[in-house]
Structures are given as structure tokens and as C-alpha cells.
Amino acid sequence: MESNCNIVVTGGSGLVGNAIQWAVHTQRDALFGRKDDENWVFLESSDGDLRLPSSRFMYGW
């Protein structure tokens, strides 16, 4: 059975968010690289307010 994992990173345009994004996209075989069953979503503050129900589209599922 295939299990997909959705991972949301808030602050995706900040220092830490950019570092996570770099690791996920460039270090596929490393401990912190993206796995085949993972869906990563990087959000910025301009994407919306996560407290609002209308922002559910940002989660990517």
C-alpha cells in the first residue's frame, strides 16, 4: 500500500525555509532529502493567513 506524506513548510521564503527547500531538492539520497512518497509545499506570508479556513488550498491536498 502506498502512503503519501504531505509536508507544509511555513516561512518558505525565509532563511531556514530556503535552506530546507535546497536540501529537499538537491540532497535526494541524503537523510534530509525528499523521498518519493513526499509532497513538499513551501508557503510564504504572501500566500495567505493559515488561520483562515479559506486558506486550505495552500496545503496542496
PDB file of N, CA and C in Angstrom:
ATOM      1  N   MET A   1       0.843  -1.177   0.000  1.00  0.00           N
ATOM      2  CA  MET A   1       0.000   0.000   0.000  1.00  0.00           C
ATOM      3  C   MET A   1       0.891   1.243   0.000  1.00  0.00           C
ATOM      4  N   GLU A   2       0.597   2.165  -0.881  1.00  0.00           N
ATOM      5  CA  GLU A   2       1.379   3.391  -0.999  1.00  0.00           C
ATOM      6  C   GLU A   2       0.869   4.430  -0.009  1.00  0.00           C
ATOM      7  N   SER A   3       1.797   5.066   0.670  1.00  0.00           N
ATOM      8  CA  SER A   3       1.457   6.087   1.653  1.00  0.00           C
ATOM      9  C   SER A   3       2.116   7.391   1.250  1.00  0.00           C
ATOM     10  N   ASN A   4       1.320   8.407   0.928  1.00  0.00           N
ATOM     11  CA  ASN A   4       1.866   9.718   0.581  1.00  0.00           C
ATOM     12  C   ASN A   4       1.879  10.599   1.813  1.00  0.00           C
ATOM     13  N   CYS A   5       2.922  11.382   1.926  1.00  0.00           N
ATOM     14  CA  CYS A   5       3.109  12.261   3.069  1.00  0.00           C
ATOM     15  C   CYS A   5       3.155  13.700   2.567  1.00  0.00           C
ATOM     16  N   ASN A   6       2.266  14.545   3.072  1.00  0.00           N
ATOM     17  CA  ASN A   6       2.249  15.962   2.723  1.00  0.00           C
ATOM     18  C   ASN A   6       2.963  16.745   3.813  1.00  0.00           C
ATOM     19  N   ILE A   7       3.943  17.546   3.412  1.00  0.00           N
ATOM     20  CA  ILE A   7       4.739  18.324   4.357  1.00  0.00           C
ATOM     21  C   ILE A   7       4.625  19.793   3.982  1.00  0.00           C
ATOM     22  N   VAL A   8       4.133  20.605   4.917  1.00  0.00           N
ATOM     23  CA  VAL A   8       3.968  22.031   4.690  1.00  0.00           C
ATOM     24  C   VAL A   8       5.050  22.770   5.468  1.00  0.00           C
ATOM     25  N   VAL A   9       5.796  23.612   4.772  1.00  0.00           N
ATOM     26  CA  VAL A   9       6.834  24.430   5.404  1.00  0.00           C
ATOM     27  C   VAL A   9       6.373  25.876   5.343  1.00  0.00           C
ATOM     28  N   THR A  10       6.071  26.443   6.510  1.00  0.00           N
ATOM     29  CA  THR A  10       5.719  27.861   6.550  1.00  0.00           C
ATOM     30  C   THR A  10       7.012  28.662   6.615  1.00  0.00           C
ATOM     31  N   GLY A  11       6.977  29.863   6.108  1.00  0.00           N
ATOM     32  CA  GLY A  11       8.206  30.663   6.062  1.00  0.00           C
ATOM     33  C   GLY A  11       9.138  30.168   4.973  1.00  0.00           C
ATOM     34  N   GLY A  12       8.558  29.667   3.888  1.00  0.00           N
ATOM     35  CA  GLY A  12       9.338  29.081   2.809  1.00  0.00           C
ATOM     36  C   GLY A  12      10.277  30.027   2.098  1.00  0.00           C
ATOM     37  N   SER A  13      10.085  31.329   2.249  1.00  0.00           N
ATOM     38  CA  SER A  13      10.975  32.286   1.586  1.00  0.00           C
ATOM     39  C   SER A  13      12.037  32.836   2.533  1.00  0.00           C
ATOM     40  N   GLY A  14      11.999  32.419   3.789  1.00  0.00           N
ATOM     41  CA  GLY A  14      12.974  32.900   4.765  1.00  0.00           C
ATOM     42  C   GLY A  14      14.272  32.105   4.719  1.00  0.00           C
ATOM     43  N   LEU A  15      15.181  32.433   5.603  1.00  0.00           N
ATOM     44  CA  LEU A  15      16.494  31.796   5.648  1.00  0.00           C
ATOM     45  C   LEU A  15      16.386  30.290   5.871  1.00  0.00           C
ATOM     46  N   VAL A  16      15.654  29.885   6.888  1.00  0.00           N
ATOM     47  CA  VAL A  16      15.516  28.462   7.192  1.00  0.00           C
ATOM     48  C   VAL A  16      14.677  27.765   6.123  1.00  0.00           C
ATOM     49  N   GLY A  17      13.592  28.406   5.689  1.00  0.00           N
ATOM     50  CA  GLY A  17      12.753  27.820   4.646  1.00  0.00           C
ATOM     51  C   GLY A  17      13.522  27.578   3.360  1.00  0.00           C
ATOM     52  N   ASN A  18      14.367  28.528   2.973  1.00  0.00           N
ATOM     53  CA  ASN A  18      15.190  28.355   1.773  1.00  0.00           C
ATOM     54  C   ASN A  18      16.189  27.222   1.945  1.00  0.00           C
ATOM     55  N   ALA A  19      16.757  27.087   3.132  1.00  0.00           N
ATOM     56  CA  ALA A  19      17.706  26.003   3.386  1.00  0.00           C
ATOM     57  C   ALA A  19      17.016  24.646   3.321  1.00  0.00           C
ATOM     58  N   ILE A  20      15.826  24.558   3.876  1.00  0.00           N
ATOM     59  CA  ILE A  20      15.064  23.307   3.802  1.00  0.00           C
ATOM     60  C   ILE A  20      14.720  22.996   2.355  1.00  0.00           C
ATOM     61  N   GLN A  21      14.277  23.997   1.622  1.00  0.00           N
ATOM     62  CA  GLN A  21      13.924  23.797   0.216  1.00  0.00           C
ATOM     63  C   GLN A  21      15.135  23.318  -0.579  1.00  0.00           C
ATOM     64  N   TRP A  22      16.297  23.903  -0.344  1.00  0.00           N
ATOM     65  CA  TRP A  22      17.527  23.485  -1.027  1.00  0.00           C
ATOM     66  C   TRP A  22      17.841  22.023  -0.709  1.00  0.00           C
ATOM     67  N   ALA A  23      17.776  21.659   0.575  1.00  0.00           N
ATOM     68  CA  ALA A  23      18.090  20.287   0.976  1.00  0.00           C
ATOM     69  C   ALA A  23      17.119  19.289   0.356  1.00  0.00           C
ATOM     70  N   VAL A  24      15.850  19.633   0.347  1.00  0.00           N
ATOM     71  CA  VAL A  24      14.829  18.732  -0.198  1.00  0.00           C
ATOM     72  C   VAL A  24      15.041  18.502  -1.692  1.00  0.00           C
ATOM     73  N   HIS A  25      15.425  19.544  -2.420  1.00  0.00           N
ATOM     74  CA  HIS A  25      15.542  19.436  -3.871  1.00  0.00           C
ATOM     75  C   HIS A  25      16.908  18.968  -4.363  1.00  0.00           C
ATOM     76  N   THR A  26      17.947  19.121  -3.566  1.00  0.00           N
ATOM     77  CA  THR A  26      19.288  18.784  -4.060  1.00  0.00           C
ATOM     78  C   THR A  26      19.925  17.593  -3.366  1.00  0.00           C
ATOM     79  N   GLN A  27      19.407  17.182  -2.237  1.00  0.00           N
ATOM     80  CA  GLN A  27      20.025  16.101  -1.467  1.00  0.00           C
ATOM     81  C   GLN A  27      19.122  14.869  -1.427  1.00  0.00           C
ATOM     82  N   ARG A  28      18.676  14.407  -2.571  1.00  0.00           N
ATOM     83  CA  ARG A  28      17.698  13.315  -2.623  1.00  0.00           C
ATOM     84  C   ARG A  28      18.170  12.034  -1.940  1.00  0.00           C
ATOM     85  N   ASP A  29      19.438  11.720  -1.980  1.00  0.00           N
ATOM     86  CA  ASP A  29      19.917  10.476  -1.379  1.00  0.00           C
ATOM     87  C   ASP A  29      20.353  10.637   0.072  1.00  0.00           C
ATOM     88  N   ALA A  30      20.357  11.849   0.576  1.00  0.00           N
ATOM     89  CA  ALA A  30      20.798  12.110   1.945  1.00  0.00           C
ATOM     90  C   ALA A  30      19.646  11.906   2.931  1.00  0.00           C
ATOM     91  N   LEU A  31      19.982  11.939   4.187  1.00  0.00           N
ATOM     92  CA  LEU A  31      18.993  11.755   5.249  1.00  0.00           C
ATOM     93  C   LEU A  31      17.840  12.753   5.148  1.00  0.00           C
ATOM     94  N   PHE A  32      18.142  13.999   4.789  1.00  0.00           N
ATOM     95  CA  PHE A  32      17.117  15.044   4.763  1.00  0.00           C
ATOM     96  C   PHE A  32      16.559  15.317   3.374  1.00  0.00           C
ATOM     97  N   GLY A  33      16.920  14.557   2.380  1.00  0.00           N
ATOM     98  CA  GLY A  33      16.416  14.757   1.033  1.00  0.00           C
ATOM     99  C   GLY A  33      14.986  14.274   0.881  1.00  0.00           C
ATOM    100  N   ARG A  34      14.337  14.734  -0.168  1.00  0.00           N
ATOM    101  CA  ARG A  34      12.940  14.355  -0.429  1.00  0.00           C
ATOM    102  C   ARG A  34      12.845  12.884  -0.794  1.00  0.00           C
ATOM    103  N   LYS A  35      11.862  12.217  -0.225  1.00  0.00           N
ATOM    104  CA  LYS A  35      11.581  10.821  -0.539  1.00  0.00           C
ATOM    105  C   LYS A  35      10.501  10.775  -1.623  1.00  0.00           C
ATOM    106  N   ASP A  36      10.399   9.661  -2.308  1.00  0.00           N
ATOM    107  CA  ASP A  36       9.454   9.540  -3.422  1.00  0.00           C
ATOM    108  C   ASP A  36       7.999   9.721  -3.003  1.00  0.00           C
ATOM    109  N   ASP A  37       7.653   9.362  -1.777  1.00  0.00           N
ATOM    110  CA  ASP A  37       6.256   9.441  -1.349  1.00  0.00           C
ATOM    111  C   ASP A  37       5.922  10.743  -0.618  1.00  0.00           C
ATOM    112  N   GLU A  38       6.798  11.746  -0.736  1.00  0.00           N
ATOM    113  CA  GLU A  38       6.583  13.012  -0.042  1.00  0.00           C
ATOM    114  C   GLU A  38       6.176  14.126  -1.004  1.00  0.00           C
ATOM    115  N   ASN A  39       5.228  14.926  -0.574  1.00  0.00           N
ATOM    116  CA  ASN A  39       4.795  16.109  -1.308  1.00  0.00           C
ATOM    117  C   ASN A  39       5.104  17.323  -0.434  1.00  0.00           C
ATOM    118  N   TRP A  40       6.092  18.117  -0.836  1.00  0.00           N
ATOM    119  CA  TRP A  40       6.518  19.288  -0.066  1.00  0.00           C
ATOM    120  C   TRP A  40       5.837  20.541  -0.602  1.00  0.00           C
ATOM    121  N   VAL A  41       5.298  21.362   0.305  1.00  0.00           N
ATOM    122  CA  VAL A  41       4.664  22.631  -0.040  1.00  0.00           C
ATOM    123  C   VAL A  41       5.357  23.721   0.772  1.00  0.00           C
ATOM    124  N   PHE A  42       5.935  24.705   0.082  1.00  0.00           N
ATOM    125  CA  PHE A  42       6.631  25.812   0.740  1.00  0.00           C
ATOM    126  C   PHE A  42       5.771  27.065   0.642  1.00  0.00           C
ATOM    127  N   LEU A  43       5.364  27.583   1.791  1.00  0.00           N
ATOM    128  CA  LEU A  43       4.467  28.735   1.832  1.00  0.00           C
ATOM    129  C   LEU A  43       5.194  29.992   2.282  1.00  0.00           C
ATOM    130  N   GLU A  44       4.740  31.123   1.758  1.00  0.00           N
ATOM    131  CA  GLU A  44       5.234  32.441   2.160  1.00  0.00           C
ATOM    132  C   GLU A  44       4.080  33.200   2.803  1.00  0.00           C
ATOM    133  N   SER A  45       4.388  34.235   3.530  1.00  0.00           N
ATOM    134  CA  SER A  45       3.330  35.017   4.177  1.00  0.00           C
ATOM    135  C   SER A  45       2.379  35.623   3.151  1.00  0.00           C
ATOM    136  N   SER A  46       2.872  35.897   1.955  1.00  0.00           N
ATOM    137  CA  SER A  46       2.011  36.477   0.918  1.00  0.00           C
ATOM    138  C   SER A  46       1.008  35.465   0.358  1.00  0.00           C
ATOM    139  N   ASP A  47       1.179  34.183   0.676  1.00  0.00           N
ATOM    140  CA  ASP A  47       0.251  33.156   0.199  1.00  0.00           C
ATOM    141  C   ASP A  47      -1.079  33.200   0.928  1.00  0.00           C
ATOM    142  N   GLY A  48      -1.105  33.761   2.115  1.00  0.00           N
ATOM    143  CA  GLY A  48      -2.357  33.864   2.851  1.00  0.00           C
ATOM    144  C   GLY A  48      -2.171  33.642   4.337  1.00  0.00           C
ATOM    145  N   ASP A  49      -3.269  33.723   5.052  1.00  0.00           N
ATOM    146  CA  ASP A  49      -3.289  33.568   6.505  1.00  0.00           C
ATOM    147  C   ASP A  49      -3.752  32.152   6.833  1.00  0.00           C
ATOM    148  N   LEU A  50      -2.883  31.346   7.424  1.00  0.00           N
ATOM    149  CA  LEU A  50      -3.203  29.948   7.719  1.00  0.00           C
ATOM    150  C   LEU A  50      -4.325  29.794   8.738  1.00  0.00           C
ATOM    151  N   ARG A  51      -4.657  30.842   9.437  1.00  0.00           N
ATOM    152  CA  ARG A  51      -5.733  30.768  10.426  1.00  0.00           C
ATOM    153  C   ARG A  51      -7.112  30.773   9.775  1.00  0.00           C
ATOM    154  N   LEU A  52      -7.196  31.164   8.518  1.00  0.00           N
ATOM    155  CA  LEU A  52      -8.489  31.268   7.836  1.00  0.00           C
ATOM    156  C   LEU A  52      -8.832  29.973   7.109  1.00  0.00           C
ATOM    157  N   PRO A  53     -10.067  29.499   7.238  1.00  0.00           N
ATOM    158  CA  PRO A  53     -10.477  28.280   6.535  1.00  0.00           C
ATOM    159  C   PRO A  53     -10.320  28.388   5.015  1.00  0.00           C
ATOM    160  N   SER A  54     -10.420  29.589   4.480  1.00  0.00           N
ATOM    161  CA  SER A  54     -10.298  29.769   3.031  1.00  0.00           C
ATOM    162  C   SER A  54      -8.877  29.510   2.533  1.00  0.00           C
ATOM    163  N   SER A  55      -7.933  29.349   3.436  1.00  0.00           N
ATOM    164  CA  SER A  55      -6.537  29.128   3.051  1.00  0.00           C
ATOM    165  C   SER A  55      -6.180  27.652   2.914  1.00  0.00           C
ATOM    166  N   ARG A  56      -7.133  26.757   3.032  1.00  0.00           N
ATOM    167  CA  ARG A  56      -6.850  25.318   2.945  1.00  0.00           C
ATOM    168  C   ARG A  56      -6.224  24.926   1.612  1.00  0.00           C
ATOM    169  N   PHE A  57      -6.484  25.696   0.553  1.00  0.00           N
ATOM    170  CA  PHE A  57      -5.922  25.376  -0.757  1.00  0.00           C
ATOM    171  C   PHE A  57      -4.397  25.375  -0.721  1.00  0.00           C
ATOM    172  N   MET A  58      -3.811  26.097   0.212  1.00  0.00           N
ATOM    173  CA  MET A  58      -2.351  26.207   0.282  1.00  0.00           C
ATOM    174  C   MET A  58      -1.686  24.910   0.712  1.00  0.00           C
ATOM    175  N   TYR A  59      -2.424  24.029   1.320  1.00  0.00           N
ATOM    176  CA  TYR A  59      -1.821  22.793   1.805  1.00  0.00           C
ATOM    177  C   TYR A  59      -1.478  21.831   0.680  1.00  0.00           C
ATOM    178  N   GLY A  60      -2.050  22.015  -0.471  1.00  0.00           N
ATOM    179  CA  GLY A  60      -1.714  21.184  -1.621  1.00  0.00           C
ATOM    180  C   GLY A  60      -2.471  19.868  -1.688  1.00  0.00           C
ATOM    181  N   TRP A  61      -3.500  19.698  -0.869  1.00  0.00           N
ATOM    182  CA  TRP A  61      -4.317  18.484  -0.942  1.00  0.00           C
ATOM    183  C   TRP A  61      -5.743  18.791  -0.603  1.00  0.00           C
TER     184      TRP A  61
END
